[in-house]
Amino acid sequence: MATEAVTESEHLRSLITSAASALWEDKEALGTLLEVVRRSETFAPLADSMEQSEVRPAKPTFYGVKRKEFAE
């Protein structure tokens, strides 16, 4: 059961990273996304680090995520 939770958590992290990367140039939309992400205590630190970063997040495939949502 713990494996499922980790998998789901990593999946959500990948989706957040992918969305942030896609919205990187539109700072207003990116800010809106990060505010939504902050509503979850689990991902609030991720949103904070993305907001402070000056570098666009890597695409999830960089982290080894191979899911069809990220197909280009």
PDB file of N, CA and C in Angstrom:
ATOM      1  N   MET A   1       0.817  -1.186   0.000  1.00  0.00           N
ATOM      2  CA  MET A   1       0.000   0.000   0.000  1.00  0.00           C
ATOM      3  C   MET A   1       0.867   1.259   0.000  1.00  0.00           C
ATOM      4  N   ALA A   2       1.970   1.257   0.723  1.00  0.00           N
ATOM      5  CA  ALA A   2       2.879   2.403   0.739  1.00  0.00           C
ATOM      6  C   ALA A   2       3.447   2.655  -0.648  1.00  0.00           C
ATOM      7  N   THR A   3       3.674   1.601  -1.406  1.00  0.00           N
ATOM      8  CA  THR A   3       4.199   1.742  -2.761  1.00  0.00           C
ATOM      9  C   THR A   3       3.216   2.519  -3.628  1.00  0.00           C
ATOM     10  N   GLU A   4       1.919   2.235  -3.480  1.00  0.00           N
ATOM     11  CA  GLU A   4       0.910   2.960  -4.247  1.00  0.00           C
ATOM     12  C   GLU A   4       0.926   4.442  -3.901  1.00  0.00           C
ATOM     13  N   ALA A   5       1.070   4.783  -2.640  1.00  0.00           N
ATOM     14  CA  ALA A   5       1.089   6.178  -2.212  1.00  0.00           C
ATOM     15  C   ALA A   5       2.295   6.902  -2.791  1.00  0.00           C
ATOM     16  N   VAL A   6       3.440   6.254  -2.772  1.00  0.00           N
ATOM     17  CA  VAL A   6       4.639   6.867  -3.338  1.00  0.00           C
ATOM     18  C   VAL A   6       4.460   7.063  -4.835  1.00  0.00           C
ATOM     19  N   THR A   7       3.918   6.082  -5.498  1.00  0.00           N
ATOM     20  CA  THR A   7       3.704   6.181  -6.939  1.00  0.00           C
ATOM     21  C   THR A   7       2.742   7.330  -7.261  1.00  0.00           C
ATOM     22  N   GLU A   8       1.663   7.428  -6.508  1.00  0.00           N
ATOM     23  CA  GLU A   8       0.705   8.510  -6.739  1.00  0.00           C
ATOM     24  C   GLU A   8       1.335   9.867  -6.448  1.00  0.00           C
ATOM     25  N   SER A   9       2.104   9.950  -5.388  1.00  0.00           N
ATOM     26  CA  SER A   9       2.780  11.194  -5.034  1.00  0.00           C
ATOM     27  C   SER A   9       3.764  11.604  -6.121  1.00  0.00           C
ATOM     28  N   GLU A  10       4.536  10.650  -6.602  1.00  0.00           N
ATOM     29  CA  GLU A  10       5.491  10.956  -7.674  1.00  0.00           C
ATOM     30  C   GLU A  10       4.766  11.347  -8.950  1.00  0.00           C
ATOM     31  N   HIS A  11       3.639  10.708  -9.209  1.00  0.00           N
ATOM     32  CA  HIS A  11       2.845  11.048 -10.393  1.00  0.00           C
ATOM     33  C   HIS A  11       2.354  12.492 -10.300  1.00  0.00           C
ATOM     34  N   LEU A  12       1.839  12.874  -9.143  1.00  0.00           N
ATOM     35  CA  LEU A  12       1.362  14.251  -8.951  1.00  0.00           C
ATOM     36  C   LEU A  12       2.512  15.249  -9.052  1.00  0.00           C
ATOM     37  N   ARG A  13       3.651  14.908  -8.474  1.00  0.00           N
ATOM     38  CA  ARG A  13       4.832  15.778  -8.572  1.00  0.00           C
ATOM     39  C   ARG A  13       5.217  15.981 -10.036  1.00  0.00           C
ATOM     40  N   SER A  14       5.157  14.921 -10.815  1.00  0.00           N
ATOM     41  CA  SER A  14       5.496  15.016 -12.239  1.00  0.00           C
ATOM     42  C   SER A  14       4.505  15.888 -13.000  1.00  0.00           C
ATOM     43  N   LEU A  15       3.225  15.747 -12.674  1.00  0.00           N
ATOM     44  CA  LEU A  15       2.216  16.579 -13.325  1.00  0.00           C
ATOM     45  C   LEU A  15       2.412  18.055 -12.983  1.00  0.00           C
ATOM     46  N   ILE A  16       2.716  18.342 -11.725  1.00  0.00           N
ATOM     47  CA  ILE A  16       2.956  19.724 -11.302  1.00  0.00           C
ATOM     48  C   ILE A  16       4.174  20.288 -12.019  1.00  0.00           C
ATOM     49  N   THR A  17       5.234  19.493 -12.080  1.00  0.00           N
ATOM     50  CA  THR A  17       6.462  19.931 -12.749  1.00  0.00           C
ATOM     51  C   THR A  17       6.216  20.189 -14.232  1.00  0.00           C
ATOM     52  N   SER A  18       5.481  19.290 -14.865  1.00  0.00           N
ATOM     53  CA  SER A  18       5.176  19.452 -16.281  1.00  0.00           C
ATOM     54  C   SER A  18       4.358  20.719 -16.539  1.00  0.00           C
ATOM     55  N   ALA A  19       3.346  20.947 -15.708  1.00  0.00           N
ATOM     56  CA  ALA A  19       2.517  22.144 -15.863  1.00  0.00           C
ATOM     57  C   ALA A  19       3.334  23.410 -15.620  1.00  0.00           C
ATOM     58  N   ALA A  20       4.179  23.397 -14.601  1.00  0.00           N
ATOM     59  CA  ALA A  20       5.013  24.569 -14.312  1.00  0.00           C
ATOM     60  C   ALA A  20       5.965  24.855 -15.459  1.00  0.00           C
ATOM     61  N   SER A  21       6.531  23.818 -16.038  1.00  0.00           N
ATOM     62  CA  SER A  21       7.439  23.995 -17.167  1.00  0.00           C
ATOM     63  C   SER A  21       6.701  24.604 -18.363  1.00  0.00           C
ATOM     64  N   ALA A  22       5.489  24.121 -18.618  1.00  0.00           N
ATOM     65  CA  ALA A  22       4.705  24.624 -19.750  1.00  0.00           C
ATOM     66  C   ALA A  22       4.263  26.071 -19.537  1.00  0.00           C
ATOM     67  N   LEU A  23       4.034  26.456 -18.291  1.00  0.00           N
ATOM     68  CA  LEU A  23       3.550  27.808 -17.986  1.00  0.00           C
ATOM     69  C   LEU A  23       4.669  28.779 -17.638  1.00  0.00           C
ATOM     70  N   TRP A  24       5.899  28.342 -17.721  1.00  0.00           N
ATOM     71  CA  TRP A  24       7.029  29.120 -17.212  1.00  0.00           C
ATOM     72  C   TRP A  24       7.071  30.553 -17.733  1.00  0.00           C
ATOM     73  N   GLU A  25       6.779  30.772 -18.988  1.00  0.00           N
ATOM     74  CA  GLU A  25       6.861  32.115 -19.583  1.00  0.00           C
ATOM     75  C   GLU A  25       5.672  32.995 -19.196  1.00  0.00           C
ATOM     76  N   ASP A  26       4.549  32.379 -18.834  1.00  0.00           N
ATOM     77  CA  ASP A  26       3.349  33.127 -18.433  1.00  0.00           C
ATOM     78  C   ASP A  26       3.321  33.182 -16.905  1.00  0.00           C
ATOM     79  N   LYS A  27       3.990  34.183 -16.352  1.00  0.00           N
ATOM     80  CA  LYS A  27       4.170  34.247 -14.902  1.00  0.00           C
ATOM     81  C   LYS A  27       2.844  34.356 -14.146  1.00  0.00           C
ATOM     82  N   GLU A  28       1.837  34.986 -14.733  1.00  0.00           N
ATOM     83  CA  GLU A  28       0.538  35.085 -14.064  1.00  0.00           C
ATOM     84  C   GLU A  28      -0.105  33.694 -13.942  1.00  0.00           C
ATOM     85  N   ALA A  29      -0.107  32.944 -15.034  1.00  0.00           N
ATOM     86  CA  ALA A  29      -0.671  31.590 -15.009  1.00  0.00           C
ATOM     87  C   ALA A  29       0.153  30.682 -14.099  1.00  0.00           C
ATOM     88  N   LEU A  30       1.476  30.818 -14.152  1.00  0.00           N
ATOM     89  CA  LEU A  30       2.344  30.025 -13.283  1.00  0.00           C
ATOM     90  C   LEU A  30       2.049  30.329 -11.816  1.00  0.00           C
ATOM     91  N   GLY A  31       1.872  31.591 -11.487  1.00  0.00           N
ATOM     92  CA  GLY A  31       1.542  31.978 -10.118  1.00  0.00           C
ATOM     93  C   GLY A  31       0.224  31.372  -9.652  1.00  0.00           C
ATOM     94  N   THR A  32      -0.753  31.345 -10.543  1.00  0.00           N
ATOM     95  CA  THR A  32      -2.045  30.744 -10.222  1.00  0.00           C
ATOM     96  C   THR A  32      -1.885  29.251  -9.953  1.00  0.00           C
ATOM     97  N   LEU A  33      -1.140  28.564 -10.803  1.00  0.00           N
ATOM     98  CA  LEU A  33      -0.880  27.135 -10.601  1.00  0.00           C
ATOM     99  C   LEU A  33      -0.205  26.895  -9.252  1.00  0.00           C
ATOM    100  N   LEU A  34       0.820  27.673  -8.955  1.00  0.00           N
ATOM    101  CA  LEU A  34       1.567  27.464  -7.712  1.00  0.00           C
ATOM    102  C   LEU A  34       0.701  27.755  -6.483  1.00  0.00           C
ATOM    103  N   GLU A  35      -0.223  28.707  -6.578  1.00  0.00           N
ATOM    104  CA  GLU A  35      -1.138  28.961  -5.461  1.00  0.00           C
ATOM    105  C   GLU A  35      -2.053  27.761  -5.223  1.00  0.00           C
ATOM    106  N   VAL A  36      -2.511  27.137  -6.298  1.00  0.00           N
ATOM    107  CA  VAL A  36      -3.340  25.935  -6.171  1.00  0.00           C
ATOM    108  C   VAL A  36      -2.523  24.806  -5.545  1.00  0.00           C
ATOM    109  N   VAL A  37      -1.290  24.645  -6.007  1.00  0.00           N
ATOM    110  CA  VAL A  37      -0.419  23.588  -5.481  1.00  0.00           C
ATOM    111  C   VAL A  37      -0.164  23.797  -3.996  1.00  0.00           C
ATOM    112  N   ARG A  38      -0.045  25.039  -3.568  1.00  0.00           N
ATOM    113  CA  ARG A  38       0.229  25.339  -2.154  1.00  0.00           C
ATOM    114  C   ARG A  38      -0.911  24.930  -1.226  1.00  0.00           C
ATOM    115  N   ARG A  39      -2.092  24.688  -1.762  1.00  0.00           N
ATOM    116  CA  ARG A  39      -3.219  24.264  -0.926  1.00  0.00           C
ATOM    117  C   ARG A  39      -2.985  22.868  -0.355  1.00  0.00           C
ATOM    118  N   SER A  40      -2.074  22.139  -0.952  1.00  0.00           N
ATOM    119  CA  SER A  40      -1.718  20.817  -0.446  1.00  0.00           C
ATOM    120  C   SER A  40      -0.448  20.948   0.385  1.00  0.00           C
ATOM    121  N   GLU A  41      -0.519  20.554   1.636  1.00  0.00           N
ATOM    122  CA  GLU A  41       0.661  20.646   2.496  1.00  0.00           C
ATOM    123  C   GLU A  41       1.825  19.844   1.923  1.00  0.00           C
ATOM    124  N   THR A  42       1.506  18.745   1.268  1.00  0.00           N
ATOM    125  CA  THR A  42       2.543  17.876   0.715  1.00  0.00           C
ATOM    126  C   THR A  42       3.373  18.582  -0.350  1.00  0.00           C
ATOM    127  N   PHE A  43       2.725  19.366  -1.202  1.00  0.00           N
ATOM    128  CA  PHE A  43       3.420  19.960  -2.342  1.00  0.00           C
ATOM    129  C   PHE A  43       3.715  21.448  -2.176  1.00  0.00           C
ATOM    130  N   ALA A  44       3.357  22.042  -1.049  1.00  0.00           N
ATOM    131  CA  ALA A  44       3.634  23.460  -0.824  1.00  0.00           C
ATOM    132  C   ALA A  44       5.133  23.783  -0.942  1.00  0.00           C
ATOM    133  N   PRO A  45       6.033  22.965  -0.372  1.00  0.00           N
ATOM    134  CA  PRO A  45       7.461  23.260  -0.529  1.00  0.00           C
ATOM    135  C   PRO A  45       7.922  23.209  -1.994  1.00  0.00           C
ATOM    136  N   LEU A  46       7.327  22.303  -2.782  1.00  0.00           N
ATOM    137  CA  LEU A  46       7.655  22.219  -4.207  1.00  0.00           C
ATOM    138  C   LEU A  46       7.244  23.514  -4.906  1.00  0.00           C
ATOM    139  N   ALA A  47       6.057  24.012  -4.606  1.00  0.00           N
ATOM    140  CA  ALA A  47       5.585  25.267  -5.208  1.00  0.00           C
ATOM    141  C   ALA A  47       6.488  26.422  -4.807  1.00  0.00           C
ATOM    142  N   ASP A  48       6.875  26.463  -3.532  1.00  0.00           N
ATOM    143  CA  ASP A  48       7.763  27.537  -3.069  1.00  0.00           C
ATOM    144  C   ASP A  48       9.101  27.509  -3.790  1.00  0.00           C
ATOM    145  N   SER A  49       9.675  26.319  -3.952  1.00  0.00           N
ATOM    146  CA  SER A  49      10.979  26.231  -4.613  1.00  0.00           C
ATOM    147  C   SER A  49      10.877  26.585  -6.088  1.00  0.00           C
ATOM    148  N   MET A  50       9.775  26.212  -6.740  1.00  0.00           N
ATOM    149  CA  MET A  50       9.599  26.565  -8.155  1.00  0.00           C
ATOM    150  C   MET A  50       9.449  28.070  -8.319  1.00  0.00           C
ATOM    151  N   GLU A  51       8.722  28.699  -7.398  1.00  0.00           N
ATOM    152  CA  GLU A  51       8.515  30.141  -7.498  1.00  0.00           C
ATOM    153  C   GLU A  51       9.827  30.903  -7.322  1.00  0.00           C
ATOM    154  N   GLN A  52      10.706  30.411  -6.480  1.00  0.00           N
ATOM    155  CA  GLN A  52      11.973  31.081  -6.217  1.00  0.00           C
ATOM    156  C   GLN A  52      13.041  30.769  -7.267  1.00  0.00           C
ATOM    157  N   SER A  53      12.831  29.705  -8.021  1.00  0.00           N
ATOM    158  CA  SER A  53      13.815  29.287  -9.013  1.00  0.00           C
ATOM    159  C   SER A  53      13.833  30.230 -10.208  1.00  0.00           C
ATOM    160  N   GLU A  54      15.013  30.435 -10.744  1.00  0.00           N
ATOM    161  CA  GLU A  54      15.138  31.237 -11.964  1.00  0.00           C
ATOM    162  C   GLU A  54      15.285  30.341 -13.193  1.00  0.00           C
ATOM    163  N   VAL A  55      15.257  29.031 -12.965  1.00  0.00           N
ATOM    164  CA  VAL A  55      15.450  28.056 -14.035  1.00  0.00           C
ATOM    165  C   VAL A  55      14.161  27.273 -14.243  1.00  0.00           C
ATOM    166  N   ARG A  56      13.747  27.153 -15.498  1.00  0.00           N
ATOM    167  CA  ARG A  56      12.549  26.378 -15.831  1.00  0.00           C
ATOM    168  C   ARG A  56      12.739  24.939 -15.349  1.00  0.00           C
ATOM    169  N   PRO A  57      11.707  24.348 -14.746  1.00  0.00           N
ATOM    170  CA  PRO A  57      11.828  22.962 -14.294  1.00  0.00           C
ATOM    171  C   PRO A  57      12.044  22.016 -15.471  1.00  0.00           C
ATOM    172  N   ALA A  58      12.805  20.977 -15.224  1.00  0.00           N
ATOM    173  CA  ALA A  58      13.023  19.966 -16.264  1.00  0.00           C
ATOM    174  C   ALA A  58      11.715  19.244 -16.537  1.00  0.00           C
ATOM    175  N   LYS A  59      11.566  18.746 -17.734  1.00  0.00           N
ATOM    176  CA  LYS A  59      10.377  17.970 -18.058  1.00  0.00           C
ATOM    177  C   LYS A  59      10.425  16.668 -17.264  1.00  0.00           C
ATOM    178  N   PRO A  60       9.264  16.118 -16.926  1.00  0.00           N
ATOM    179  CA  PRO A  60       9.235  14.898 -16.125  1.00  0.00           C
ATOM    180  C   PRO A  60      10.034  13.742 -16.719  1.00  0.00           C
ATOM    181  N   THR A  61      10.152  13.691 -18.039  1.00  0.00           N
ATOM    182  CA  THR A  61      10.936  12.611 -18.645  1.00  0.00           C
ATOM    183  C   THR A  61      12.398  12.685 -18.216  1.00  0.00           C
ATOM    184  N   PHE A  62      12.870  13.867 -17.841  1.00  0.00           N
ATOM    185  CA  PHE A  62      14.230  14.031 -17.336  1.00  0.00           C
ATOM    186  C   PHE A  62      14.423  13.206 -16.065  1.00  0.00           C
ATOM    187  N   TYR A  63      13.360  13.087 -15.283  1.00  0.00           N
ATOM    188  CA  TYR A  63      13.423  12.338 -14.034  1.00  0.00           C
ATOM    189  C   TYR A  63      13.088  10.859 -14.225  1.00  0.00           C
ATOM    190  N   GLY A  64      12.922  10.454 -15.463  1.00  0.00           N
ATOM    191  CA  GLY A  64      12.643   9.047 -15.744  1.00  0.00           C
ATOM    192  C   GLY A  64      11.173   8.692 -15.766  1.00  0.00           C
ATOM    193  N   VAL A  65      10.296   9.685 -15.760  1.00  0.00           N
ATOM    194  CA  VAL A  65       8.865   9.415 -15.796  1.00  0.00           C
ATOM    195  C   VAL A  65       8.478   9.103 -17.230  1.00  0.00           C
ATOM    196  N   LYS A  66       7.876   7.940 -17.414  1.00  0.00           N
ATOM    197  CA  LYS A  66       7.472   7.539 -18.763  1.00  0.00           C
ATOM    198  C   LYS A  66       5.983   7.252 -18.752  1.00  0.00           C
ATOM    199  N   ARG A  67       5.210   8.290 -18.924  1.00  0.00           N
ATOM    200  CA  ARG A  67       3.762   8.159 -18.952  1.00  0.00           C
ATOM    201  C   ARG A  67       3.245   8.889 -20.182  1.00  0.00           C
ATOM    202  N   LYS A  68       2.114   8.437 -20.687  1.00  0.00           N
ATOM    203  CA  LYS A  68       1.614   9.014 -21.926  1.00  0.00           C
ATOM    204  C   LYS A  68       1.167  10.462 -21.797  1.00  0.00           C
ATOM    205  N   GLU A  69       0.884  10.938 -20.568  1.00  0.00           N
ATOM    206  CA  GLU A  69       0.503  12.353 -20.413  1.00  0.00           C
ATOM    207  C   GLU A  69       1.604  13.288 -20.887  1.00  0.00           C
ATOM    208  N   PHE A  70       2.841  12.806 -20.854  1.00  0.00           N
ATOM    209  CA  PHE A  70       3.965  13.654 -21.169  1.00  0.00           C
ATOM    210  C   PHE A  70       4.484  13.467 -22.595  1.00  0.00           C
ATOM    211  N   ALA A  71       3.767  12.704 -23.392  1.00  0.00           N
ATOM    212  CA  ALA A  71       4.178  12.486 -24.783  1.00  0.00           C
ATOM    213  C   ALA A  71       4.120  13.814 -25.528  1.00  0.00           C
ATOM    214  N   GLU A  72       5.096  14.029 -26.366  1.00  0.00           N
ATOM    215  CA  GLU A  72       5.132  15.288 -27.130  1.00  0.00           C
ATOM    216  C   GLU A  72       4.988  15.019 -28.600  1.00  0.00           C
TER     217      GLU A  72
END
